[in-house]
Amino acid sequence: MHSKNLTKDTELKNIAIALISQYGDDADAVATLRAAEYAAALNTDEWIKWESIILLINKINKNPDLNG
C-alpha cells in the first residue's frame, strides 16, 4: 500500500513539474482551471487530484530546490 501512495505522489509531482516547465508562472492557473472542470463535472477523485497538484506547484515555486 505504501508503494502505491509513493507512486501516486511521484505521479502528481511529475505532473506539477511538467506544468511548471510548460506554463511557467501560469502553471497554477492551468491546474486551477483543470480542477474547476472536474469539480463542475462532480468528478471528486480528479478534482482532489488536481487540487493536490496546485499545492505541489505552489510548494515547488516557493522552494525550487525541491524540484528534484
N, C-alpha and C. Protein backbone atom coordinates (compact mmCIF):
# COMPACT_ATOMS: atom_id res chain seq x y z
N MET A 1 0.82 -1.19 0.00
CA MET A 1 0.00 0.00 0.00
C MET A 1 0.87 1.26 0.00
N HIS A 2 1.93 1.26 0.80
CA HIS A 2 2.83 2.40 0.86
C HIS A 2 3.43 2.67 -0.51
N SER A 3 3.79 1.64 -1.23
CA SER A 3 4.38 1.77 -2.56
C SER A 3 3.40 2.44 -3.52
N LYS A 4 2.13 2.11 -3.40
CA LYS A 4 1.12 2.71 -4.26
C LYS A 4 1.00 4.21 -4.00
N ASN A 5 1.04 4.62 -2.71
CA ASN A 5 0.97 6.04 -2.38
C ASN A 5 2.21 6.77 -2.88
N LEU A 6 3.38 6.14 -2.77
CA LEU A 6 4.60 6.75 -3.25
C LEU A 6 4.55 6.95 -4.75
N THR A 7 4.03 5.97 -5.47
CA THR A 7 3.89 6.07 -6.92
C THR A 7 2.94 7.20 -7.28
N LYS A 8 1.83 7.31 -6.56
CA LYS A 8 0.86 8.38 -6.81
C LYS A 8 1.48 9.74 -6.53
N ASP A 9 2.22 9.86 -5.42
CA ASP A 9 2.89 11.12 -5.08
C ASP A 9 3.89 11.51 -6.17
N THR A 10 4.62 10.54 -6.67
CA THR A 10 5.60 10.79 -7.72
C THR A 10 4.89 11.24 -9.00
N GLU A 11 3.78 10.59 -9.31
CA GLU A 11 3.00 10.97 -10.50
C GLU A 11 2.51 12.41 -10.39
N LEU A 12 1.98 12.78 -9.23
CA LEU A 12 1.47 14.14 -9.04
C LEU A 12 2.60 15.16 -9.13
N LYS A 13 3.74 14.83 -8.54
CA LYS A 13 4.90 15.73 -8.60
C LYS A 13 5.38 15.89 -10.04
N ASN A 14 5.39 14.81 -10.79
CA ASN A 14 5.81 14.88 -12.20
C ASN A 14 4.86 15.74 -13.02
N ILE A 15 3.57 15.64 -12.74
CA ILE A 15 2.59 16.49 -13.44
C ILE A 15 2.83 17.95 -13.08
N ALA A 16 3.05 18.23 -11.80
CA ALA A 16 3.30 19.61 -11.36
C ALA A 16 4.55 20.18 -12.05
N ILE A 17 5.61 19.39 -12.07
CA ILE A 17 6.86 19.85 -12.70
C ILE A 17 6.66 20.07 -14.20
N ALA A 18 5.92 19.19 -14.84
CA ALA A 18 5.66 19.33 -16.28
C ALA A 18 4.87 20.61 -16.56
N LEU A 19 3.88 20.90 -15.72
CA LEU A 19 3.09 22.13 -15.90
C LEU A 19 3.95 23.37 -15.70
N ILE A 20 4.82 23.34 -14.69
CA ILE A 20 5.72 24.47 -14.46
C ILE A 20 6.66 24.64 -15.64
N SER A 21 7.17 23.54 -16.16
CA SER A 21 8.08 23.61 -17.31
C SER A 21 7.39 24.18 -18.53
N GLN A 22 6.12 23.79 -18.73
CA GLN A 22 5.39 24.22 -19.92
C GLN A 22 4.79 25.61 -19.78
N TYR A 23 4.25 25.93 -18.59
CA TYR A 23 3.49 27.17 -18.45
C TYR A 23 4.13 28.20 -17.53
N GLY A 24 5.23 27.86 -16.88
CA GLY A 24 5.91 28.81 -16.01
C GLY A 24 5.01 29.32 -14.90
N ASP A 25 4.95 30.62 -14.75
CA ASP A 25 4.16 31.25 -13.68
C ASP A 25 2.66 30.99 -13.82
N ASP A 26 2.23 30.57 -14.98
CA ASP A 26 0.80 30.30 -15.20
C ASP A 26 0.41 28.86 -14.88
N ALA A 27 1.36 28.05 -14.41
CA ALA A 27 1.09 26.64 -14.15
C ALA A 27 -0.04 26.45 -13.14
N ASP A 28 -0.04 27.26 -12.07
CA ASP A 28 -1.10 27.09 -11.08
C ASP A 28 -2.45 27.50 -11.64
N ALA A 29 -2.49 28.47 -12.54
CA ALA A 29 -3.76 28.86 -13.17
C ALA A 29 -4.29 27.74 -14.06
N VAL A 30 -3.39 27.11 -14.79
CA VAL A 30 -3.79 25.99 -15.66
C VAL A 30 -4.33 24.85 -14.81
N ALA A 31 -3.64 24.53 -13.73
CA ALA A 31 -4.09 23.45 -12.85
C ALA A 31 -5.41 23.81 -12.17
N THR A 32 -5.58 25.08 -11.82
CA THR A 32 -6.83 25.53 -11.20
C THR A 32 -7.99 25.37 -12.17
N LEU A 33 -7.77 25.71 -13.43
CA LEU A 33 -8.83 25.52 -14.43
C LEU A 33 -9.19 24.05 -14.59
N ARG A 34 -8.18 23.20 -14.58
CA ARG A 34 -8.42 21.76 -14.69
C ARG A 34 -9.21 21.27 -13.49
N ALA A 35 -8.83 21.71 -12.29
CA ALA A 35 -9.54 21.31 -11.07
C ALA A 35 -10.99 21.78 -11.13
N ALA A 36 -11.20 22.99 -11.62
CA ALA A 36 -12.56 23.53 -11.71
C ALA A 36 -13.42 22.73 -12.69
N GLU A 37 -12.81 22.28 -13.79
CA GLU A 37 -13.54 21.45 -14.75
C GLU A 37 -14.04 20.17 -14.10
N TYR A 38 -13.16 19.53 -13.34
CA TYR A 38 -13.55 18.29 -12.68
C TYR A 38 -14.56 18.53 -11.56
N ALA A 39 -14.41 19.63 -10.86
CA ALA A 39 -15.37 19.97 -9.80
C ALA A 39 -16.75 20.20 -10.40
N ALA A 40 -16.80 20.92 -11.52
CA ALA A 40 -18.07 21.19 -12.18
C ALA A 40 -18.73 19.91 -12.69
N ALA A 41 -17.90 18.95 -13.07
CA ALA A 41 -18.40 17.66 -13.56
C ALA A 41 -18.69 16.69 -12.41
N LEU A 42 -18.50 17.16 -11.17
CA LEU A 42 -18.71 16.35 -9.97
C LEU A 42 -17.83 15.10 -9.94
N ASN A 43 -16.64 15.22 -10.54
CA ASN A 43 -15.66 14.14 -10.52
C ASN A 43 -14.72 14.40 -9.34
N THR A 44 -15.11 13.96 -8.17
CA THR A 44 -14.41 14.27 -6.93
C THR A 44 -12.97 13.77 -6.93
N ASP A 45 -12.74 12.56 -7.40
CA ASP A 45 -11.39 12.00 -7.37
C ASP A 45 -10.40 12.84 -8.19
N GLU A 46 -10.80 13.20 -9.39
CA GLU A 46 -9.92 14.01 -10.24
C GLU A 46 -9.79 15.43 -9.70
N TRP A 47 -10.88 15.97 -9.15
CA TRP A 47 -10.83 17.30 -8.57
C TRP A 47 -9.82 17.35 -7.42
N ILE A 48 -9.86 16.36 -6.54
CA ILE A 48 -8.91 16.29 -5.42
C ILE A 48 -7.49 16.13 -5.94
N LYS A 49 -7.32 15.31 -6.97
CA LYS A 49 -6.00 15.11 -7.57
C LYS A 49 -5.44 16.45 -8.05
N TRP A 50 -6.25 17.23 -8.75
CA TRP A 50 -5.76 18.50 -9.29
C TRP A 50 -5.59 19.55 -8.21
N GLU A 51 -6.36 19.50 -7.15
CA GLU A 51 -6.12 20.39 -6.01
C GLU A 51 -4.77 20.07 -5.39
N SER A 52 -4.42 18.79 -5.33
CA SER A 52 -3.12 18.38 -4.80
C SER A 52 -1.99 18.88 -5.71
N ILE A 53 -2.22 18.83 -7.00
CA ILE A 53 -1.22 19.31 -7.96
C ILE A 53 -1.01 20.81 -7.79
N ILE A 54 -2.08 21.56 -7.56
CA ILE A 54 -1.96 23.01 -7.32
C ILE A 54 -1.07 23.26 -6.10
N LEU A 55 -1.31 22.52 -5.03
CA LEU A 55 -0.49 22.69 -3.82
C LEU A 55 0.99 22.37 -4.11
N LEU A 56 1.23 21.32 -4.88
CA LEU A 56 2.61 20.96 -5.24
C LEU A 56 3.27 22.04 -6.09
N ILE A 57 2.53 22.59 -7.03
CA ILE A 57 3.07 23.67 -7.87
C ILE A 57 3.50 24.84 -6.99
N ASN A 58 2.63 25.23 -6.08
CA ASN A 58 2.95 26.35 -5.19
C ASN A 58 4.15 26.02 -4.31
N LYS A 59 4.23 24.80 -3.82
CA LYS A 59 5.36 24.38 -2.98
C LYS A 59 6.66 24.40 -3.77
N ILE A 60 6.63 23.87 -4.98
CA ILE A 60 7.83 23.85 -5.83
C ILE A 60 8.26 25.27 -6.18
N ASN A 61 7.30 26.13 -6.49
CA ASN A 61 7.62 27.51 -6.84
C ASN A 61 8.22 28.27 -5.66
N LYS A 62 7.79 27.96 -4.45
CA LYS A 62 8.33 28.63 -3.26
C LYS A 62 9.70 28.08 -2.87
N ASN A 63 9.95 26.81 -3.19
CA ASN A 63 11.20 26.14 -2.82
C ASN A 63 11.73 25.39 -4.04
N PRO A 64 12.29 26.11 -5.02
CA PRO A 64 12.73 25.47 -6.25
C PRO A 64 13.72 24.33 -6.05
N ASP A 65 14.45 24.32 -4.94
CA ASP A 65 15.41 23.25 -4.70
C ASP A 65 14.72 21.91 -4.48
N LEU A 66 13.42 21.92 -4.19
CA LEU A 66 12.67 20.67 -4.04
C LEU A 66 12.31 20.06 -5.39
N ASN A 67 12.66 20.75 -6.44
CA ASN A 67 12.31 20.37 -7.80
C ASN A 67 12.88 19.01 -8.19
N GLY A 68 13.88 18.56 -7.55
CA GLY A 68 14.25 17.26 -7.92
C GLY A 68 15.64 16.88 -7.91
